[in-house]
Amino acid sequence: MMPFPDASVPETDAFTRAYWDAAAAGRLLIRRCAACERAHHYPREFCPHCWSEDVAWERASGRATLYTWSVVHRNDLPPFDARVPYAAAVVDLVEGVRMMTEVVECEEAELRVGMPLEVAFRREGDGVAVPVFRPAPSRIRRSGADR
């Protein structure tokens, strides 16, 4: 029986190397089309909206909202079997890109559609970092009377 490949470490190639190098440095990249000005993710060499090849890397803010999720309680495939339960999710980046990811540092009962999130990076083998999202810190400021 052949062993499963390590699914926690992405396969990089010459095209996606910039994305994974940025993630290892704590930056999230997306692609933006110069022809139609729309952003997209996952990284592709052409725009999925207008098919232009005039696309470039752009640093994303790392801010997002939760679009949907599913808490996985059982997964027999390594390395996911050691992580259960985990929240597989789809998030909407403020740049207008929808991205598949995982929500971390959040209890299942706290997950809500539209909740504000921020990017974090899970460190894997060989210096690889995978973008995940966690609840954004509260941006509510207290007045002087509340302090």
N, C-alpha and C. Protein backbone atom coordinates (compact mmCIF):
# COMPACT_ATOMS: atom_id res chain seq x y z
N MET A 1 0.85 -1.18 0.00
CA MET A 1 0.00 0.00 0.00
C MET A 1 0.89 1.24 0.00
N MET A 2 0.62 2.16 -0.91
CA MET A 2 1.40 3.39 -0.99
C MET A 2 0.97 4.34 0.12
N PRO A 3 1.94 5.04 0.74
CA PRO A 3 1.57 6.01 1.77
C PRO A 3 0.90 7.23 1.14
N PHE A 4 0.04 7.89 1.94
CA PHE A 4 -0.59 9.11 1.47
C PHE A 4 0.47 10.21 1.39
N PRO A 5 0.40 11.07 0.38
CA PRO A 5 1.30 12.23 0.37
C PRO A 5 0.91 13.16 1.52
N ASP A 6 1.85 13.96 1.97
CA ASP A 6 1.57 14.90 3.06
C ASP A 6 0.71 16.03 2.52
N ALA A 7 -0.59 15.96 2.74
CA ALA A 7 -1.53 16.94 2.22
C ALA A 7 -1.44 18.28 2.93
N SER A 8 -0.72 18.33 4.06
CA SER A 8 -0.60 19.60 4.78
C SER A 8 0.43 20.51 4.14
N VAL A 9 1.29 19.97 3.30
CA VAL A 9 2.33 20.76 2.65
C VAL A 9 1.99 20.85 1.17
N PRO A 10 1.73 22.07 0.68
CA PRO A 10 1.36 22.23 -0.73
C PRO A 10 2.53 21.95 -1.65
N GLU A 11 2.20 21.51 -2.85
CA GLU A 11 3.22 21.36 -3.88
C GLU A 11 3.38 22.72 -4.54
N THR A 12 4.61 23.20 -4.59
CA THR A 12 4.86 24.48 -5.23
C THR A 12 5.50 24.25 -6.58
N ASP A 13 5.29 25.20 -7.46
CA ASP A 13 5.94 25.17 -8.76
C ASP A 13 6.43 26.58 -9.04
N ALA A 14 7.02 26.80 -10.20
CA ALA A 14 7.59 28.11 -10.51
C ALA A 14 6.53 29.21 -10.45
N PHE A 15 5.30 28.90 -10.86
CA PHE A 15 4.24 29.91 -10.86
C PHE A 15 3.76 30.24 -9.46
N THR A 16 3.53 29.25 -8.61
CA THR A 16 2.96 29.50 -7.28
C THR A 16 4.02 29.81 -6.22
N ARG A 17 5.28 29.72 -6.56
CA ARG A 17 6.35 29.96 -5.58
C ARG A 17 6.22 31.33 -4.91
N ALA A 18 5.87 32.37 -5.65
CA ALA A 18 5.71 33.71 -5.07
C ALA A 18 4.63 33.70 -3.98
N TYR A 19 3.54 33.00 -4.23
CA TYR A 19 2.44 32.91 -3.26
C TYR A 19 2.92 32.25 -1.97
N TRP A 20 3.59 31.08 -2.10
CA TRP A 20 4.01 30.35 -0.92
C TRP A 20 5.17 31.03 -0.20
N ASP A 21 6.05 31.70 -0.94
CA ASP A 21 7.13 32.47 -0.30
C ASP A 21 6.56 33.62 0.51
N ALA A 22 5.55 34.30 -0.03
CA ALA A 22 4.91 35.40 0.69
C ALA A 22 4.22 34.87 1.95
N ALA A 23 3.52 33.75 1.83
CA ALA A 23 2.85 33.17 3.00
C ALA A 23 3.86 32.82 4.08
N ALA A 24 5.00 32.28 3.69
CA ALA A 24 6.04 31.94 4.67
C ALA A 24 6.55 33.19 5.39
N ALA A 25 6.45 34.35 4.70
CA ALA A 25 6.87 35.63 5.29
C ALA A 25 5.72 36.35 5.99
N GLY A 26 4.54 35.69 6.07
CA GLY A 26 3.40 36.29 6.77
C GLY A 26 2.59 37.26 5.94
N ARG A 27 2.61 37.09 4.61
CA ARG A 27 1.83 37.96 3.72
C ARG A 27 0.92 37.10 2.84
N LEU A 28 -0.32 37.55 2.65
CA LEU A 28 -1.27 36.87 1.79
C LEU A 28 -1.31 37.57 0.44
N LEU A 29 -1.12 36.81 -0.63
CA LEU A 29 -1.18 37.37 -1.98
C LEU A 29 -2.42 36.87 -2.71
N ILE A 30 -2.94 37.73 -3.57
CA ILE A 30 -4.00 37.36 -4.51
C ILE A 30 -3.54 37.81 -5.89
N ARG A 31 -4.31 37.49 -6.90
CA ARG A 31 -4.00 37.93 -8.27
C ARG A 31 -5.03 38.97 -8.67
N ARG A 32 -4.58 40.00 -9.42
CA ARG A 32 -5.48 41.02 -9.94
C ARG A 32 -5.22 41.18 -11.43
N CYS A 33 -6.31 41.32 -12.18
CA CYS A 33 -6.25 41.48 -13.62
C CYS A 33 -6.15 42.96 -13.98
N ALA A 34 -5.20 43.32 -14.81
CA ALA A 34 -5.05 44.70 -15.26
C ALA A 34 -6.12 45.06 -16.29
N ALA A 35 -6.64 44.08 -17.01
CA ALA A 35 -7.62 44.35 -18.06
C ALA A 35 -9.00 44.68 -17.48
N CYS A 36 -9.49 43.85 -16.56
CA CYS A 36 -10.84 44.07 -16.01
C CYS A 36 -10.80 44.56 -14.56
N GLU A 37 -9.62 44.62 -13.97
CA GLU A 37 -9.37 45.12 -12.62
C GLU A 37 -9.96 44.26 -11.51
N ARG A 38 -10.37 43.03 -11.82
CA ARG A 38 -10.95 42.16 -10.80
C ARG A 38 -9.88 41.26 -10.19
N ALA A 39 -10.01 41.01 -8.91
CA ALA A 39 -9.11 40.11 -8.20
C ALA A 39 -9.65 38.69 -8.27
N HIS A 40 -8.75 37.73 -8.09
CA HIS A 40 -9.19 36.33 -8.03
C HIS A 40 -8.24 35.50 -7.17
N HIS A 41 -8.78 34.40 -6.73
CA HIS A 41 -8.02 33.40 -5.98
C HIS A 41 -8.73 32.09 -6.22
N TYR A 42 -8.12 31.08 -6.49
CA TYR A 42 -6.78 30.60 -6.32
C TYR A 42 -5.90 31.17 -7.43
N PRO A 43 -4.59 31.21 -7.23
CA PRO A 43 -3.69 31.80 -8.23
C PRO A 43 -3.77 31.07 -9.57
N ARG A 44 -3.99 31.86 -10.62
CA ARG A 44 -3.99 31.34 -11.99
C ARG A 44 -3.18 32.28 -12.88
N GLU A 45 -2.72 31.79 -13.98
CA GLU A 45 -1.92 32.61 -14.89
C GLU A 45 -2.77 33.46 -15.81
N PHE A 46 -4.09 33.33 -15.71
CA PHE A 46 -5.01 34.12 -16.52
C PHE A 46 -6.17 34.55 -15.64
N CYS A 47 -6.90 35.55 -16.08
CA CYS A 47 -8.06 36.03 -15.33
C CYS A 47 -9.26 35.12 -15.60
N PRO A 48 -9.89 34.57 -14.57
CA PRO A 48 -11.05 33.71 -14.79
C PRO A 48 -12.30 34.49 -15.18
N HIS A 49 -12.24 35.83 -15.09
CA HIS A 49 -13.40 36.66 -15.42
C HIS A 49 -13.39 37.09 -16.88
N CYS A 50 -12.22 37.51 -17.39
CA CYS A 50 -12.17 38.01 -18.78
C CYS A 50 -11.14 37.26 -19.64
N TRP A 51 -10.44 36.33 -19.05
CA TRP A 51 -9.45 35.48 -19.72
C TRP A 51 -8.16 36.20 -20.11
N SER A 52 -7.98 37.41 -19.65
CA SER A 52 -6.74 38.13 -19.94
C SER A 52 -5.58 37.46 -19.22
N GLU A 53 -4.42 37.51 -19.84
CA GLU A 53 -3.20 37.01 -19.21
C GLU A 53 -2.43 38.13 -18.52
N ASP A 54 -3.00 39.33 -18.49
CA ASP A 54 -2.36 40.49 -17.87
C ASP A 54 -2.75 40.55 -16.39
N VAL A 55 -2.24 39.60 -15.63
CA VAL A 55 -2.54 39.51 -14.20
C VAL A 55 -1.24 39.59 -13.41
N ALA A 56 -1.34 40.10 -12.18
CA ALA A 56 -0.16 40.27 -11.34
C ALA A 56 -0.50 39.96 -9.90
N TRP A 57 0.54 39.67 -9.13
CA TRP A 57 0.37 39.45 -7.70
C TRP A 57 0.10 40.76 -6.99
N GLU A 58 -0.73 40.70 -5.94
CA GLU A 58 -1.06 41.87 -5.14
C GLU A 58 -1.17 41.41 -3.68
N ARG A 59 -0.65 42.22 -2.78
CA ARG A 59 -0.76 41.87 -1.36
C ARG A 59 -2.19 42.15 -0.90
N ALA A 60 -2.80 41.16 -0.28
CA ALA A 60 -4.15 41.31 0.28
C ALA A 60 -4.05 41.86 1.70
N SER A 61 -5.12 42.49 2.13
CA SER A 61 -5.14 43.08 3.48
C SER A 61 -5.13 42.02 4.57
N GLY A 62 -5.65 40.84 4.26
CA GLY A 62 -5.77 39.79 5.27
C GLY A 62 -7.07 39.85 6.05
N ARG A 63 -7.93 40.83 5.72
CA ARG A 63 -9.23 40.95 6.39
C ARG A 63 -10.29 40.24 5.56
N ALA A 64 -11.20 39.55 6.26
CA ALA A 64 -12.23 38.78 5.57
C ALA A 64 -13.45 38.64 6.46
N THR A 65 -14.53 38.13 5.85
CA THR A 65 -15.71 37.75 6.62
C THR A 65 -16.02 36.30 6.29
N LEU A 66 -16.61 35.62 7.27
CA LEU A 66 -16.94 34.21 7.09
C LEU A 66 -18.17 34.09 6.20
N TYR A 67 -18.04 33.36 5.10
CA TYR A 67 -19.14 33.13 4.17
C TYR A 67 -19.92 31.87 4.57
N THR A 68 -19.18 30.78 4.79
CA THR A 68 -19.80 29.52 5.23
C THR A 68 -18.72 28.63 5.83
N TRP A 69 -19.15 27.60 6.53
CA TRP A 69 -18.20 26.68 7.14
C TRP A 69 -18.86 25.35 7.40
N SER A 70 -18.02 24.37 7.68
CA SER A 70 -18.48 23.06 8.13
C SER A 70 -17.43 22.55 9.10
N VAL A 71 -17.87 22.13 10.27
CA VAL A 71 -16.94 21.59 11.25
C VAL A 71 -16.77 20.10 10.95
N VAL A 72 -15.53 19.72 10.72
CA VAL A 72 -15.20 18.34 10.40
C VAL A 72 -14.85 17.63 11.70
N HIS A 73 -15.63 16.60 12.03
CA HIS A 73 -15.40 15.86 13.27
C HIS A 73 -14.68 14.55 13.02
N ARG A 74 -14.65 14.11 11.78
CA ARG A 74 -13.94 12.87 11.46
C ARG A 74 -13.31 12.99 10.09
N ASN A 75 -12.01 12.71 10.04
CA ASN A 75 -11.28 12.68 8.79
C ASN A 75 -10.15 11.68 8.98
N ASP A 76 -10.19 10.61 8.25
CA ASP A 76 -9.20 9.54 8.42
C ASP A 76 -7.91 9.78 7.64
N LEU A 77 -7.85 10.84 6.87
CA LEU A 77 -6.66 11.08 6.05
C LEU A 77 -5.62 11.90 6.80
N PRO A 78 -4.39 11.43 6.81
CA PRO A 78 -3.33 12.23 7.43
C PRO A 78 -3.10 13.50 6.60
N PRO A 79 -2.81 14.62 7.15
CA PRO A 79 -2.58 14.92 8.56
C PRO A 79 -3.86 15.40 9.25
N PHE A 80 -4.98 15.38 8.52
CA PHE A 80 -6.22 15.94 9.04
C PHE A 80 -6.78 15.14 10.20
N ASP A 81 -6.49 13.85 10.25
CA ASP A 81 -7.00 13.01 11.33
C ASP A 81 -6.53 13.50 12.70
N ALA A 82 -5.35 14.12 12.76
CA ALA A 82 -4.84 14.62 14.04
C ALA A 82 -5.42 15.98 14.42
N ARG A 83 -6.11 16.64 13.48
CA ARG A 83 -6.62 17.99 13.73
C ARG A 83 -8.09 18.05 14.10
N VAL A 84 -8.83 16.98 13.95
CA VAL A 84 -10.27 17.05 14.19
C VAL A 84 -10.56 17.39 15.64
N PRO A 85 -11.62 18.13 15.90
CA PRO A 85 -12.44 18.81 14.91
C PRO A 85 -11.77 20.09 14.40
N TYR A 86 -12.08 20.42 13.14
CA TYR A 86 -11.59 21.68 12.58
C TYR A 86 -12.69 22.28 11.71
N ALA A 87 -12.61 23.59 11.50
CA ALA A 87 -13.64 24.29 10.73
C ALA A 87 -13.13 24.59 9.34
N ALA A 88 -13.55 23.77 8.38
CA ALA A 88 -13.28 24.05 6.97
C ALA A 88 -14.21 25.18 6.57
N ALA A 89 -13.68 26.18 5.88
CA ALA A 89 -14.48 27.39 5.66
C ALA A 89 -14.23 28.00 4.28
N VAL A 90 -15.17 28.86 3.92
CA VAL A 90 -15.03 29.74 2.77
C VAL A 90 -15.17 31.15 3.32
N VAL A 91 -14.22 32.02 2.98
CA VAL A 91 -14.24 33.40 3.46
C VAL A 91 -14.25 34.35 2.28
N ASP A 92 -14.81 35.53 2.52
CA ASP A 92 -14.79 36.60 1.52
C ASP A 92 -13.77 37.63 1.95
N LEU A 93 -12.69 37.76 1.18
CA LEU A 93 -11.69 38.79 1.46
C LEU A 93 -12.26 40.15 1.11
N VAL A 94 -11.80 41.20 1.79
CA VAL A 94 -12.32 42.55 1.51
C VAL A 94 -12.00 42.97 0.07
N GLU A 95 -11.02 42.33 -0.55
CA GLU A 95 -10.67 42.65 -1.94
C GLU A 95 -11.66 42.06 -2.94
N GLY A 96 -12.67 41.32 -2.44
CA GLY A 96 -13.70 40.78 -3.33
C GLY A 96 -13.43 39.36 -3.78
N VAL A 97 -12.51 38.68 -3.13
CA VAL A 97 -12.14 37.32 -3.50
C VAL A 97 -12.72 36.35 -2.48
N ARG A 98 -13.25 35.26 -2.96
CA ARG A 98 -13.74 34.18 -2.09
C ARG A 98 -12.64 33.11 -2.03
N MET A 99 -12.36 32.63 -0.81
CA MET A 99 -11.22 31.74 -0.61
C MET A 99 -11.59 30.58 0.31
N MET A 100 -11.19 29.37 -0.06
CA MET A 100 -11.35 28.21 0.82
C MET A 100 -10.20 28.21 1.81
N THR A 101 -10.50 27.87 3.07
CA THR A 101 -9.49 27.96 4.12
C THR A 101 -9.94 27.17 5.33
N GLU A 102 -9.40 27.52 6.47
CA GLU A 102 -9.79 26.93 7.75
C GLU A 102 -9.88 28.07 8.76
N VAL A 103 -10.88 28.00 9.65
CA VAL A 103 -10.97 28.98 10.73
C VAL A 103 -10.35 28.33 11.97
N VAL A 104 -9.43 29.05 12.59
CA VAL A 104 -8.72 28.56 13.77
C VAL A 104 -8.97 29.49 14.95
N GLU A 105 -8.59 29.03 16.13
CA GLU A 105 -8.70 29.84 17.35
C GLU A 105 -10.13 30.32 17.61
N CYS A 106 -11.10 29.45 17.31
CA CYS A 106 -12.50 29.82 17.46
C CYS A 106 -13.30 28.57 17.80
N GLU A 107 -14.13 28.66 18.81
CA GLU A 107 -15.01 27.55 19.17
C GLU A 107 -16.13 27.43 18.14
N GLU A 108 -16.58 26.21 17.93
CA GLU A 108 -17.64 25.94 16.96
C GLU A 108 -18.87 26.81 17.21
N ALA A 109 -19.26 26.98 18.46
CA ALA A 109 -20.47 27.74 18.79
C ALA A 109 -20.32 29.24 18.49
N GLU A 110 -19.09 29.72 18.32
CA GLU A 110 -18.86 31.14 18.05
C GLU A 110 -18.88 31.47 16.56
N LEU A 111 -18.85 30.47 15.69
CA LEU A 111 -18.83 30.71 14.25
C LEU A 111 -20.16 31.31 13.80
N ARG A 112 -20.08 32.38 13.02
CA ARG A 112 -21.27 33.07 12.51
C ARG A 112 -21.01 33.56 11.10
N VAL A 113 -21.96 33.40 10.22
CA VAL A 113 -21.86 33.98 8.88
C VAL A 113 -21.65 35.48 9.03
N GLY A 114 -20.69 36.01 8.31
CA GLY A 114 -20.42 37.45 8.34
C GLY A 114 -19.45 37.88 9.43
N MET A 115 -19.00 36.95 10.28
CA MET A 115 -18.08 37.36 11.35
C MET A 115 -16.77 37.83 10.75
N PRO A 116 -16.20 38.90 11.32
CA PRO A 116 -14.93 39.41 10.81
C PRO A 116 -13.77 38.49 11.18
N LEU A 117 -12.90 38.28 10.21
CA LEU A 117 -11.75 37.40 10.39
C LEU A 117 -10.49 38.11 9.92
N GLU A 118 -9.35 37.57 10.36
CA GLU A 118 -8.06 38.06 9.87
C GLU A 118 -7.18 36.86 9.56
N VAL A 119 -6.29 37.05 8.62
CA VAL A 119 -5.41 35.96 8.21
C VAL A 119 -4.38 35.65 9.30
N ALA A 120 -4.07 34.39 9.41
CA ALA A 120 -2.98 33.89 10.24
C ALA A 120 -2.30 32.82 9.38
N PHE A 121 -1.18 32.34 9.81
CA PHE A 121 -0.46 31.35 9.00
C PHE A 121 -0.08 30.16 9.86
N ARG A 122 -0.50 28.97 9.42
CA ARG A 122 -0.14 27.74 10.10
C ARG A 122 1.17 27.25 9.49
N ARG A 123 2.16 27.09 10.34
CA ARG A 123 3.49 26.63 9.90
C ARG A 123 3.46 25.12 9.72
N GLU A 124 3.92 24.69 8.56
CA GLU A 124 4.01 23.27 8.24
C GLU A 124 5.48 22.91 8.04
N GLY A 125 5.75 21.72 7.57
CA GLY A 125 7.12 21.28 7.35
C GLY A 125 7.83 22.08 6.28
N ASP A 126 9.14 22.05 6.34
CA ASP A 126 10.01 22.69 5.35
C ASP A 126 9.78 24.19 5.20
N GLY A 127 9.36 24.86 6.28
CA GLY A 127 9.20 26.31 6.23
C GLY A 127 7.97 26.80 5.49
N VAL A 128 7.08 25.91 5.12
CA VAL A 128 5.86 26.28 4.41
C VAL A 128 4.84 26.82 5.41
N ALA A 129 4.13 27.86 5.02
CA ALA A 129 3.06 28.43 5.84
C ALA A 129 1.77 28.44 5.02
N VAL A 130 0.69 27.98 5.63
CA VAL A 130 -0.61 27.90 4.96
C VAL A 130 -1.53 28.96 5.55
N PRO A 131 -2.13 29.81 4.69
CA PRO A 131 -3.05 30.83 5.21
C PRO A 131 -4.30 30.19 5.81
N VAL A 132 -4.61 30.58 7.04
CA VAL A 132 -5.84 30.21 7.74
C VAL A 132 -6.40 31.51 8.29
N PHE A 133 -7.60 31.47 8.84
CA PHE A 133 -8.19 32.69 9.36
C PHE A 133 -8.65 32.48 10.79
N ARG A 134 -8.59 33.56 11.58
CA ARG A 134 -9.03 33.55 12.98
C ARG A 134 -9.92 34.76 13.19
N PRO A 135 -10.74 34.73 14.25
CA PRO A 135 -11.59 35.89 14.53
C PRO A 135 -10.73 37.15 14.66
N ALA A 136 -11.21 38.23 14.04
CA ALA A 136 -10.51 39.51 14.13
C ALA A 136 -10.74 40.10 15.51
N PRO A 137 -9.73 40.77 16.05
CA PRO A 137 -9.94 41.41 17.35
C PRO A 137 -11.03 42.47 17.24
N SER A 138 -11.71 42.68 18.32
CA SER A 138 -12.78 43.67 18.33
C SER A 138 -12.21 45.05 18.02
N ARG A 139 -12.87 45.76 17.15
CA ARG A 139 -12.42 47.11 16.79
C ARG A 139 -13.28 48.17 17.46
N ILE A 140 -14.08 47.72 18.44
CA ILE A 140 -14.96 48.66 19.15
C ILE A 140 -14.13 49.42 20.18
N ARG A 141 -14.18 50.72 20.11
CA ARG A 141 -13.46 51.55 21.07
C ARG A 141 -14.40 51.95 22.19
N ARG A 142 -13.87 51.93 23.38
CA ARG A 142 -14.68 52.34 24.52
C ARG A 142 -14.51 53.83 24.74
N SER A 143 -15.56 54.45 25.17
CA SER A 143 -15.49 55.87 25.51
C SER A 143 -14.77 56.01 26.85
N GLY A 144 -14.34 57.21 27.20
CA GLY A 144 -13.65 57.46 28.46
C GLY A 144 -14.45 57.01 29.66
N ALA A 145 -15.79 57.10 29.60
CA ALA A 145 -16.65 56.73 30.73
C ALA A 145 -16.65 55.23 30.95
N ASP A 146 -16.36 54.43 29.89
CA ASP A 146 -16.39 52.97 29.99
C ASP A 146 -15.07 52.40 30.51
N ARG A 147 -14.04 53.20 30.60
CA ARG A 147 -12.73 52.66 30.97
C ARG A 147 -12.54 52.49 32.43
